[in-house]
Amino acid sequence: MMVEKSKNILRKRKEPKRATDVEIEDRRERIVELFGEYGEKKLSNADVAKTLGVSVPTIERDIRAIKTDSFKWVESLAKEGYVYECRMTFSRLSNLTRRLNRRILMENDKMSTDDLVKISGQMSKLEELKISILQQPTLYALRLAMKKASKFEDLLVGE
């Protein structure tokens, strides 16, 4: 009789719900957002677990996985030559911005308002290119930014 009761008790326990890969990825993105918003020192793993409705060990596993993925990502960027190309791209974009700014300063009295507005707009677009690279750090994004930047050089002809 006692054996039957223990079997019934075992049967009544539910297996913990396993998250799908999509749910895990979403949860990890949310963890990164929370720590980005509040900082790791201000937010405990228990706070994050409570917010997301999971256990502390789940959060700890997710954080380890996030860190591992981050290291792999940075390593892959380095192997692809991203760091060098990033430096070269930012240097070129900054140089173009300086040259456009110098043109405005030196030729301000000779330029029409339309030209000033056009150059100011181009300078804003160069800054947007920098931001887009930071938002999507890939070699493709760098090369696309360089391609777009070459169009701005047309404004500097005859400098």
C-alpha atoms as a PDB file:
ATOM      1  CA  MET A   1       0.000   0.000   0.000  1.00  0.00           C
ATOM      2  CA  MET A   2       2.823   2.394   0.890  1.00  0.00           C
ATOM      3  CA  VAL A   3       4.557   1.625  -2.407  1.00  0.00           C
ATOM      4  CA  GLU A   4       1.411   2.538  -4.350  1.00  0.00           C
ATOM      5  CA  LYS A   5       1.138   5.914  -2.611  1.00  0.00           C
ATOM      6  CA  SER A   6       4.745   6.772  -3.395  1.00  0.00           C
ATOM      7  CA  LYS A   7       4.184   5.836  -7.054  1.00  0.00           C
ATOM      8  CA  ASN A   8       1.126   8.096  -7.184  1.00  0.00           C
ATOM      9  CA  ILE A   9       3.087  10.944  -5.663  1.00  0.00           C
ATOM     10  CA  LEU A  10       5.811  10.487  -8.267  1.00  0.00           C
ATOM     11  CA  ARG A  11       3.269  10.429 -11.074  1.00  0.00           C
ATOM     12  CA  LYS A  12       1.625  13.644  -9.929  1.00  0.00           C
ATOM     13  CA  ARG A  13       4.861  15.668 -10.181  1.00  0.00           C
ATOM     14  CA  LYS A  14       5.039  17.570 -13.380  1.00  0.00           C
ATOM     15  CA  GLU A  15       8.212  17.819 -15.368  1.00  0.00           C
ATOM     16  CA  PRO A  16       9.494  21.395 -15.478  1.00  0.00           C
ATOM     17  CA  LYS A  17       8.541  23.148 -18.670  1.00  0.00           C
ATOM     18  CA  ARG A  18      11.506  23.302 -21.009  1.00  0.00           C
ATOM     19  CA  ALA A  19      11.915  26.550 -22.899  1.00  0.00           C
ATOM     20  CA  THR A  20      12.226  26.510 -26.656  1.00  0.00           C
ATOM     21  CA  ASP A  21      15.355  27.870 -28.337  1.00  0.00           C
ATOM     22  CA  VAL A  22      13.413  30.993 -29.294  1.00  0.00           C
ATOM     23  CA  GLU A  23      12.237  31.519 -25.706  1.00  0.00           C
ATOM     24  CA  ILE A  24      15.792  31.069 -24.420  1.00  0.00           C
ATOM     25  CA  GLU A  25      17.145  33.554 -26.962  1.00  0.00           C
ATOM     26  CA  ASP A  26      14.400  36.056 -26.096  1.00  0.00           C
ATOM     27  CA  ARG A  27      15.082  35.649 -22.381  1.00  0.00           C
ATOM     28  CA  ARG A  28      18.821  36.179 -22.908  1.00  0.00           C
ATOM     29  CA  GLU A  29      18.175  39.314 -24.941  1.00  0.00           C
ATOM     30  CA  ARG A  30      15.947  40.573 -22.131  1.00  0.00           C
ATOM     31  CA  ILE A  31      18.717  39.850 -19.587  1.00  0.00           C
ATOM     32  CA  VAL A  32      21.173  41.898 -21.636  1.00  0.00           C
ATOM     33  CA  GLU A  33      18.623  44.726 -21.868  1.00  0.00           C
ATOM     34  CA  LEU A  34      17.975  44.679 -18.106  1.00  0.00           C
ATOM     35  CA  PHE A  35      21.664  44.747 -17.201  1.00  0.00           C
ATOM     36  CA  GLY A  36      22.254  47.403 -19.841  1.00  0.00           C
ATOM     37  CA  GLU A  37      19.457  49.506 -18.387  1.00  0.00           C
ATOM     38  CA  TYR A  38      20.190  49.046 -14.678  1.00  0.00           C
ATOM     39  CA  GLY A  39      23.772  47.810 -14.589  1.00  0.00           C
ATOM     40  CA  GLU A  40      25.059  44.523 -13.227  1.00  0.00           C
ATOM     41  CA  LYS A  41      25.944  46.051  -9.872  1.00  0.00           C
ATOM     42  CA  LYS A  42      22.484  47.551  -9.306  1.00  0.00           C
ATOM     43  CA  LEU A  43      20.475  44.496 -10.352  1.00  0.00           C
ATOM     44  CA  SER A  44      20.950  41.087  -8.755  1.00  0.00           C
ATOM     45  CA  ASN A  45      20.458  37.763 -10.489  1.00  0.00           C
ATOM     46  CA  ALA A  46      17.529  37.180  -8.117  1.00  0.00           C
ATOM     47  CA  ASP A  47      15.917  40.452  -9.278  1.00  0.00           C
ATOM     48  CA  VAL A  48      16.315  39.417 -12.914  1.00  0.00           C
ATOM     49  CA  ALA A  49      14.978  35.915 -12.186  1.00  0.00           C
ATOM     50  CA  LYS A  50      11.922  37.361 -10.456  1.00  0.00           C
ATOM     51  CA  THR A  51      11.336  39.850 -13.288  1.00  0.00           C
ATOM     52  CA  LEU A  52      11.531  37.130 -15.935  1.00  0.00           C
ATOM     53  CA  GLY A  53       9.722  34.458 -13.915  1.00  0.00           C
ATOM     54  CA  VAL A  54      12.548  31.910 -13.910  1.00  0.00           C
ATOM     55  CA  SER A  55      14.959  30.512 -11.342  1.00  0.00           C
ATOM     56  CA  VAL A  56      18.258  32.084 -10.292  1.00  0.00           C
ATOM     57  CA  PRO A  57      20.235  29.088 -11.653  1.00  0.00           C
ATOM     58  CA  THR A  58      18.563  29.654 -15.045  1.00  0.00           C
ATOM     59  CA  ILE A  59      19.708  33.283 -15.010  1.00  0.00           C
ATOM     60  CA  GLU A  60      23.223  32.210 -14.006  1.00  0.00           C
ATOM     61  CA  ARG A  61      23.344  29.693 -16.904  1.00  0.00           C
ATOM     62  CA  ASP A  62      22.066  32.357 -19.285  1.00  0.00           C
ATOM     63  CA  ILE A  63      24.696  34.862 -18.137  1.00  0.00           C
ATOM     64  CA  ARG A  64      27.472  32.284 -18.656  1.00  0.00           C
ATOM     65  CA  ALA A  65      26.112  31.555 -22.140  1.00  0.00           C
ATOM     66  CA  ILE A  66      25.861  35.279 -22.963  1.00  0.00           C
ATOM     67  CA  LYS A  67      29.478  35.836 -21.898  1.00  0.00           C
ATOM     68  CA  THR A  68      30.694  32.817 -23.877  1.00  0.00           C
ATOM     69  CA  ASP A  69      28.824  33.975 -26.979  1.00  0.00           C
ATOM     70  CA  SER A  70      30.211  37.491 -26.545  1.00  0.00           C
ATOM     71  CA  PHE A  71      33.801  36.242 -26.376  1.00  0.00           C
ATOM     72  CA  LYS A  72      33.250  34.093 -29.473  1.00  0.00           C
ATOM     73  CA  TRP A  73      31.731  37.072 -31.295  1.00  0.00           C
ATOM     74  CA  VAL A  74      34.631  39.387 -30.441  1.00  0.00           C
ATOM     75  CA  GLU A  75      37.120  36.690 -31.421  1.00  0.00           C
ATOM     76  CA  SER A  76      35.413  36.206 -34.786  1.00  0.00           C
ATOM     77  CA  LEU A  77      35.496  39.956 -35.411  1.00  0.00           C
ATOM     78  CA  ALA A  78      39.227  39.996 -34.717  1.00  0.00           C
ATOM     79  CA  LYS A  79      39.844  37.021 -37.021  1.00  0.00           C
ATOM     80  CA  GLU A  80      37.921  38.714 -39.832  1.00  0.00           C
ATOM     81  CA  GLY A  81      40.124  41.800 -39.573  1.00  0.00           C
ATOM     82  CA  TYR A  82      37.220  43.844 -38.267  1.00  0.00           C
ATOM     83  CA  VAL A  83      39.245  45.859 -35.761  1.00  0.00           C
ATOM     84  CA  TYR A  84      41.656  47.117 -38.418  1.00  0.00           C
ATOM     85  CA  GLU A  85      38.915  47.847 -40.933  1.00  0.00           C
ATOM     86  CA  CYS A  86      36.818  49.530 -38.255  1.00  0.00           C
ATOM     87  CA  ARG A  87      39.673  51.843 -37.336  1.00  0.00           C
ATOM     88  CA  MET A  88      40.316  52.670 -40.993  1.00  0.00           C
ATOM     89  CA  THR A  89      36.625  53.289 -41.688  1.00  0.00           C
ATOM     90  CA  PHE A  90      36.117  55.536 -38.660  1.00  0.00           C
ATOM     91  CA  SER A  91      39.292  57.410 -39.526  1.00  0.00           C
ATOM     92  CA  ARG A  92      38.071  57.979 -43.082  1.00  0.00           C
ATOM     93  CA  LEU A  93      34.602  59.073 -41.951  1.00  0.00           C
ATOM     94  CA  SER A  94      36.083  61.459 -39.370  1.00  0.00           C
ATOM     95  CA  ASN A  95      38.477  62.849 -41.965  1.00  0.00           C
ATOM     96  CA  LEU A  96      35.603  63.494 -44.375  1.00  0.00           C
ATOM     97  CA  THR A  97      33.641  65.227 -41.621  1.00  0.00           C
ATOM     98  CA  ARG A  98      36.650  67.441 -40.761  1.00  0.00           C
ATOM     99  CA  ARG A  99      37.173  68.322 -44.421  1.00  0.00           C
ATOM    100  CA  LEU A 100      33.513  69.217 -44.905  1.00  0.00           C
ATOM    101  CA  ASN A 101      33.577  71.301 -41.745  1.00  0.00           C
ATOM    102  CA  ARG A 102      36.759  73.072 -42.879  1.00  0.00           C
ATOM    103  CA  ARG A 103      35.112  73.809 -46.220  1.00  0.00           C
ATOM    104  CA  ILE A 104      32.172  75.414 -44.450  1.00  0.00           C
ATOM    105  CA  LEU A 105      34.478  77.497 -42.252  1.00  0.00           C
ATOM    106  CA  MET A 106      36.739  78.649 -45.078  1.00  0.00           C
ATOM    107  CA  GLU A 107      34.122  79.240 -47.756  1.00  0.00           C
ATOM    108  CA  ASN A 108      31.142  80.233 -45.636  1.00  0.00           C
ATOM    109  CA  ASP A 109      30.888  83.713 -47.151  1.00  0.00           C
ATOM    110  CA  LYS A 110      31.076  82.331 -50.731  1.00  0.00           C
ATOM    111  CA  MET A 111      28.571  79.494 -50.270  1.00  0.00           C
ATOM    112  CA  SER A 112      24.859  79.688 -50.817  1.00  0.00           C
ATOM    113  CA  THR A 113      22.486  78.692 -48.046  1.00  0.00           C
ATOM    114  CA  ASP A 114      21.501  75.634 -50.085  1.00  0.00           C
ATOM    115  CA  ASP A 115      25.148  74.510 -50.256  1.00  0.00           C
ATOM    116  CA  LEU A 116      25.584  75.023 -46.515  1.00  0.00           C
ATOM    117  CA  VAL A 117      22.448  73.003 -45.790  1.00  0.00           C
ATOM    118  CA  LYS A 118      23.564  70.275 -48.197  1.00  0.00           C
ATOM    119  CA  ILE A 119      27.008  69.963 -46.596  1.00  0.00           C
ATOM    120  CA  SER A 120      25.554  70.019 -43.076  1.00  0.00           C
ATOM    121  CA  GLY A 121      23.183  67.238 -44.114  1.00  0.00           C
ATOM    122  CA  GLN A 122      26.087  65.223 -45.498  1.00  0.00           C
ATOM    123  CA  MET A 123      27.979  65.648 -42.240  1.00  0.00           C
ATOM    124  CA  SER A 124      24.939  64.315 -40.368  1.00  0.00           C
ATOM    125  CA  LYS A 125      24.808  61.332 -42.712  1.00  0.00           C
ATOM    126  CA  LEU A 126      28.470  60.599 -42.013  1.00  0.00           C
ATOM    127  CA  GLU A 127      27.692  60.522 -38.284  1.00  0.00           C
ATOM    128  CA  GLU A 128      24.722  58.238 -38.981  1.00  0.00           C
ATOM    129  CA  LEU A 129      27.093  55.896 -40.832  1.00  0.00           C
ATOM    130  CA  LYS A 130      29.288  55.695 -37.742  1.00  0.00           C
ATOM    131  CA  ILE A 131      26.274  54.829 -35.610  1.00  0.00           C
ATOM    132  CA  SER A 132      25.094  52.192 -38.094  1.00  0.00           C
ATOM    133  CA  ILE A 133      28.497  50.515 -37.922  1.00  0.00           C
ATOM    134  CA  LEU A 134      28.281  50.349 -34.142  1.00  0.00           C
ATOM    135  CA  GLN A 135      24.758  48.947 -34.311  1.00  0.00           C
ATOM    136  CA  GLN A 136      25.690  46.234 -36.805  1.00  0.00           C
ATOM    137  CA  PRO A 137      29.413  45.560 -36.448  1.00  0.00           C
ATOM    138  CA  THR A 138      30.233  43.433 -39.465  1.00  0.00           C
ATOM    139  CA  LEU A 139      32.725  43.727 -42.275  1.00  0.00           C
ATOM    140  CA  TYR A 140      29.804  44.165 -44.639  1.00  0.00           C
ATOM    141  CA  ALA A 141      28.591  47.191 -42.655  1.00  0.00           C
ATOM    142  CA  LEU A 142      32.091  48.697 -42.760  1.00  0.00           C
ATOM    143  CA  ARG A 143      32.439  48.194 -46.488  1.00  0.00           C
ATOM    144  CA  LEU A 144      28.972  49.595 -47.097  1.00  0.00           C
ATOM    145  CA  ALA A 145      29.859  52.665 -45.024  1.00  0.00           C
ATOM    146  CA  MET A 146      33.059  53.162 -47.037  1.00  0.00           C
ATOM    147  CA  LYS A 147      31.095  52.905 -50.267  1.00  0.00           C
ATOM    148  CA  LYS A 148      28.572  55.487 -49.063  1.00  0.00           C
ATOM    149  CA  ALA A 149      31.373  57.730 -47.771  1.00  0.00           C
ATOM    150  CA  SER A 150      32.990  57.851 -51.192  1.00  0.00           C
ATOM    151  CA  LYS A 151      29.889  59.661 -52.453  1.00  0.00           C
ATOM    152  CA  PHE A 152      30.510  62.457 -49.950  1.00  0.00           C
ATOM    153  CA  GLU A 153      33.929  63.093 -51.391  1.00  0.00           C
ATOM    154  CA  ASP A 154      32.222  64.578 -54.442  1.00  0.00           C
ATOM    155  CA  LEU A 155      31.397  67.578 -52.253  1.00  0.00           C
ATOM    156  CA  LEU A 156      35.103  68.116 -51.643  1.00  0.00           C
ATOM    157  CA  VAL A 157      36.205  68.254 -55.268  1.00  0.00           C
ATOM    158  CA  GLY A 158      38.252  71.387 -55.829  1.00  0.00           C
ATOM    159  CA  GLU A 159      39.074  71.683 -52.145  1.00  0.00           C
END
